C-alpha atoms as a PDB file:
ATOM      1  CA  MET A   1       0.590 145.849  83.901  1.00  0.00           C
ATOM      2  CA  ALA A   2      -2.011 145.058  86.508  1.00  0.00           C
ATOM      3  CA  ARG A   3      -0.359 143.087  89.083  1.00  0.00           C
ATOM      4  CA  LYS A   4      -1.943 141.696  92.414  1.00  0.00           C
ATOM      5  CA  SER A   5      -0.425 142.956  95.684  1.00  0.00           C
ATOM      6  CA  MET A   6       2.869 141.066  96.794  1.00  0.00           C
ATOM      7  CA  PHE A   7       1.140 140.552 100.238  1.00  0.00           C
ATOM      8  CA  ARG A   8      -1.491 138.258  99.028  1.00  0.00           C
ATOM      9  CA  ALA A   9       0.943 135.199  97.841  1.00  0.00           C
ATOM     10  CA  PHE A  10       1.743 134.603 101.358  1.00  0.00           C
ATOM     11  CA  GLY A  11      -1.866 134.388 102.625  1.00  0.00           C
ATOM     12  CA  LYS A  12      -1.511 136.522 105.837  1.00  0.00           C
ATOM     13  CA  LYS A  13      -4.823 137.420 106.589  1.00  0.00           C
ATOM     14  CA  ALA A  14      -5.783 141.496 106.386  1.00  0.00           C
ATOM     15  CA  ASN A  15      -7.157 143.990 108.506  1.00  0.00           C
ATOM     16  CA  PRO A  16     -10.844 145.090 107.716  1.00  0.00           C
ATOM     17  CA  VAL A  17      -9.423 148.203 106.552  1.00  0.00           C
ATOM     18  CA  SER A  18      -6.059 148.347 105.348  1.00  0.00           C
ATOM     19  CA  THR A  19      -4.107 151.216 103.014  1.00  0.00           C
ATOM     20  CA  ARG A  20      -1.215 149.670 100.668  1.00  0.00           C
ATOM     21  CA  ILE A  21       0.891 152.623  98.973  1.00  0.00           C
ATOM     22  CA  PHE A  22       3.292 151.013  96.364  1.00  0.00           C
ATOM     23  CA  VAL A  23       5.189 152.021  92.855  1.00  0.00           C
ATOM     24  CA  ARG A  24       5.441 149.209  90.063  1.00  0.00           C
ATOM     25  CA  GLY A  25       7.694 149.242  86.966  1.00  0.00           C
ATOM     26  CA  LEU A  26       9.929 151.740  88.499  1.00  0.00           C
ATOM     27  CA  LEU A  27      12.996 151.282  85.824  1.00  0.00           C
ATOM     28  CA  VAL A  28      16.538 152.250  86.817  1.00  0.00           C
ATOM     29  CA  GLN A  29      19.547 151.690  84.996  1.00  0.00           C
ATOM     30  CA  ALA A  30      22.198 150.511  87.611  1.00  0.00           C
ATOM     31  CA  SER A  31      25.119 148.979  88.660  1.00  0.00           C
ATOM     32  CA  ILE A  32      24.328 145.686  90.193  1.00  0.00           C
ATOM     33  CA  GLY A  33      25.912 142.200  89.805  1.00  0.00           C
ATOM     34  CA  VAL A  34      28.482 139.649  90.681  1.00  0.00           C
ATOM     35  CA  HIS A  35      29.960 138.869  87.726  1.00  0.00           C
ATOM     36  CA  PRO A  36      32.920 141.033  86.037  1.00  0.00           C
ATOM     37  CA  HIS A  37      30.919 142.234  82.831  1.00  0.00           C
ATOM     38  CA  GLU A  38      28.506 143.924  85.540  1.00  0.00           C
ATOM     39  CA  TYR A  39      30.998 146.042  87.036  1.00  0.00           C
ATOM     40  CA  GLU A  40      31.299 147.840  83.694  1.00  0.00           C
ATOM     41  CA  SER A  41      28.224 148.749  82.984  1.00  0.00           C
ATOM     42  CA  THR A  42      25.078 149.766  84.342  1.00  0.00           C
ATOM     43  CA  GLN A  43      21.656 147.608  83.346  1.00  0.00           C
ATOM     44  CA  PRO A  44      17.908 148.004  83.713  1.00  0.00           C
ATOM     45  CA  ILE A  45      16.357 146.642  86.678  1.00  0.00           C
ATOM     46  CA  ILE A  46      12.855 147.074  87.398  1.00  0.00           C
ATOM     47  CA  ILE A  47      11.315 147.853  90.975  1.00  0.00           C
ATOM     48  CA  ASP A  48       8.460 147.235  92.625  1.00  0.00           C
ATOM     49  CA  VAL A  49       7.504 147.944  96.110  1.00  0.00           C
ATOM     50  CA  GLU A  50       4.487 147.499  98.223  1.00  0.00           C
ATOM     51  CA  LEU A  51       3.767 149.292 101.772  1.00  0.00           C
ATOM     52  CA  ASP A  52       1.341 148.092 104.115  1.00  0.00           C
ATOM     53  CA  MET A  53       0.132 150.949 105.714  1.00  0.00           C
ATOM     54  CA  GLY A  54      -2.071 149.089 108.139  1.00  0.00           C
ATOM     55  CA  ASP A  55      -5.275 150.888 109.662  1.00  0.00           C
ATOM     56  CA  MET A  56      -3.929 154.136 108.780  1.00  0.00           C
ATOM     57  CA  ASP A  57      -6.576 157.043 108.892  1.00  0.00           C
ATOM     58  CA  LEU A  58      -7.813 158.234 105.166  1.00  0.00           C
ATOM     59  CA  PRO A  59      -6.927 161.726 104.040  1.00  0.00           C
ATOM     60  CA  LYS A  60      -9.720 163.902 105.828  1.00  0.00           C
ATOM     61  CA  ASP A  61      -8.332 167.213 104.294  1.00  0.00           C
ATOM     62  CA  ASP A  62      -7.188 165.581 100.504  1.00  0.00           C
ATOM     63  CA  ARG A  63      -3.570 166.981 101.515  1.00  0.00           C
ATOM     64  CA  LEU A  64      -0.677 165.008 100.626  1.00  0.00           C
ATOM     65  CA  GLY A  65       0.897 165.452 103.958  1.00  0.00           C
ATOM     66  CA  GLU A  66      -1.793 163.158 105.276  1.00  0.00           C
ATOM     67  CA  THR A  67      -0.151 160.274 103.664  1.00  0.00           C
ATOM     68  CA  LEU A  68       3.181 158.632 102.579  1.00  0.00           C
ATOM     69  CA  ASP A  69       3.982 160.231  99.220  1.00  0.00           C
ATOM     70  CA  TYR A  70       4.631 157.557  96.561  1.00  0.00           C
ATOM     71  CA  GLY A  71       6.595 159.602  94.407  1.00  0.00           C
ATOM     72  CA  PHE A  72       8.934 160.068  97.435  1.00  0.00           C
ATOM     73  CA  VAL A  73       8.780 156.163  97.807  1.00  0.00           C
ATOM     74  CA  ALA A  74      10.004 156.069  94.381  1.00  0.00           C
ATOM     75  CA  ASP A  75      12.611 158.853  94.245  1.00  0.00           C
ATOM     76  CA  LYS A  76      14.290 156.939  97.264  1.00  0.00           C
ATOM     77  CA  ALA A  77      14.129 153.773  95.813  1.00  0.00           C
ATOM     78  CA  GLU A  78      16.125 155.176  92.608  1.00  0.00           C
ATOM     79  CA  GLU A  79      18.277 156.840  94.795  1.00  0.00           C
ATOM     80  CA  LEU A  80      19.369 153.501  96.754  1.00  0.00           C
ATOM     81  CA  ALA A  81      19.755 151.741  93.228  1.00  0.00           C
ATOM     82  CA  LEU A  82      21.909 154.345  92.041  1.00  0.00           C
ATOM     83  CA  LYS A  83      23.592 155.079  95.647  1.00  0.00           C
ATOM     84  CA  ALA A  84      26.495 152.307  94.694  1.00  0.00           C
ATOM     85  CA  HIS A  85      27.397 149.408  93.186  1.00  0.00           C
ATOM     86  CA  VAL A  86      26.008 146.406  94.690  1.00  0.00           C
ATOM     87  CA  GLN A  87      26.422 143.197  93.774  1.00  0.00           C
ATOM     88  CA  LEU A  88      22.925 141.130  94.722  1.00  0.00           C
ATOM     89  CA  VAL A  89      19.114 142.087  93.967  1.00  0.00           C
ATOM     90  CA  GLU A  90      18.377 140.812  97.533  1.00  0.00           C
ATOM     91  CA  THR A  91      20.987 143.359  98.961  1.00  0.00           C
ATOM     92  CA  LEU A  92      19.323 146.484  97.213  1.00  0.00           C
ATOM     93  CA  ALA A  93      15.951 145.347  98.058  1.00  0.00           C
ATOM     94  CA  GLU A  94      16.515 145.119 101.194  1.00  0.00           C
ATOM     95  CA  GLN A  95      18.222 148.354 101.953  1.00  0.00           C
ATOM     96  CA  ILE A  96      14.473 149.811 100.207  1.00  0.00           C
ATOM     97  CA  ALA A  97      12.565 147.350 102.892  1.00  0.00           C
ATOM     98  CA  ASP A  98      14.902 149.262 105.735  1.00  0.00           C
ATOM     99  CA  TRP A  99      14.321 152.310 105.035  1.00  0.00           C
ATOM    100  CA  ALA A 100      10.473 152.139 104.083  1.00  0.00           C
ATOM    101  CA  LEU A 101      10.388 150.964 107.762  1.00  0.00           C
ATOM    102  CA  ALA A 102      12.635 153.595 109.292  1.00  0.00           C
ATOM    103  CA  THR A 103      11.306 156.372 107.165  1.00  0.00           C
ATOM    104  CA  ASP A 104       7.441 156.081 108.290  1.00  0.00           C
ATOM    105  CA  ALA A 105       5.763 154.487 111.507  1.00  0.00           C
ATOM    106  CA  ARG A 106       2.575 153.605 109.385  1.00  0.00           C
ATOM    107  CA  VAL A 107       4.209 151.627 107.273  1.00  0.00           C
ATOM    108  CA  GLN A 108       3.637 148.165 108.781  1.00  0.00           C
ATOM    109  CA  ARG A 109       4.823 145.556 106.213  1.00  0.00           C
ATOM    110  CA  CYS A 110       7.087 146.144 103.064  1.00  0.00           C
ATOM    111  CA  ALA A 111       7.085 144.051 100.288  1.00  0.00           C
ATOM    112  CA  VAL A 112      10.317 145.176  97.751  1.00  0.00           C
ATOM    113  CA  SER A 113      10.363 142.993  94.214  1.00  0.00           C
ATOM    114  CA  ILE A 114      13.599 143.871  91.853  1.00  0.00           C
ATOM    115  CA  SER A 115      13.900 142.038  88.829  1.00  0.00           C
ATOM    116  CA  LYS A 116      16.971 142.353  86.303  1.00  0.00           C
ATOM    117  CA  PRO A 117      14.932 141.778  82.457  1.00  0.00           C
ATOM    118  CA  GLN A 118      18.520 141.177  80.806  1.00  0.00           C
ATOM    119  CA  ALA A 119      19.863 138.549  83.776  1.00  0.00           C
ATOM    120  CA  LEU A 120      18.942 135.185  81.604  1.00  0.00           C
ATOM    121  CA  LEU A 121      18.951 134.344  77.763  1.00  0.00           C
ATOM    122  CA  LYS A 122      15.773 132.071  78.193  1.00  0.00           C
ATOM    123  CA  ALA A 123      13.344 133.923  80.786  1.00  0.00           C
ATOM    124  CA  ASP A 124      11.591 136.974  80.451  1.00  0.00           C
ATOM    125  CA  VAL A 125      13.032 138.015  83.822  1.00  0.00           C
ATOM    126  CA  ALA A 126      14.919 136.972  86.936  1.00  0.00           C
ATOM    127  CA  GLY A 127      15.369 138.614  90.547  1.00  0.00           C
ATOM    128  CA  VAL A 128      13.795 138.604  94.007  1.00  0.00           C
ATOM    129  CA  GLU A 129      11.052 139.558  96.342  1.00  0.00           C
ATOM    130  CA  ILE A 130      11.169 139.997  99.919  1.00  0.00           C
ATOM    131  CA  ILE A 131       8.831 141.154 102.755  1.00  0.00           C
ATOM    132  CA  LYS A 132       9.685 142.541 106.101  1.00  0.00           C
ATOM    133  CA  THR A 133       7.233 143.348 108.889  1.00  0.00           C
ATOM    134  CA  ARG A 134       7.722 145.246 111.608  1.00  0.00           C
END
């Protein structure tokens, strides 16, 4: 699925050189929601994370240690989603964004979108998107 940057929607002028690391469409079976039936079983959520690394130096030696591993980002987002029941998607999105900003000083902004495809009968998905800046 081709999706534009979550940051572009807010019209903030970007630096001339910018690196963005992203994970899109991470499907997780999570215990999330405020309704009684949502405490009884898990449901699918879709997590998108986009990290604006600013003018981070591009890898010179072609080594993973020179960047932030998107596999690590995906694993941590899933770990946070599975940690415990969360009532609001906003809460989980903020937890993921806070982790991203705390884990690597190169992360300048973090956008997290969480969708619940089964939340509404007449819509494909419902959810929230947050953007946090250092």
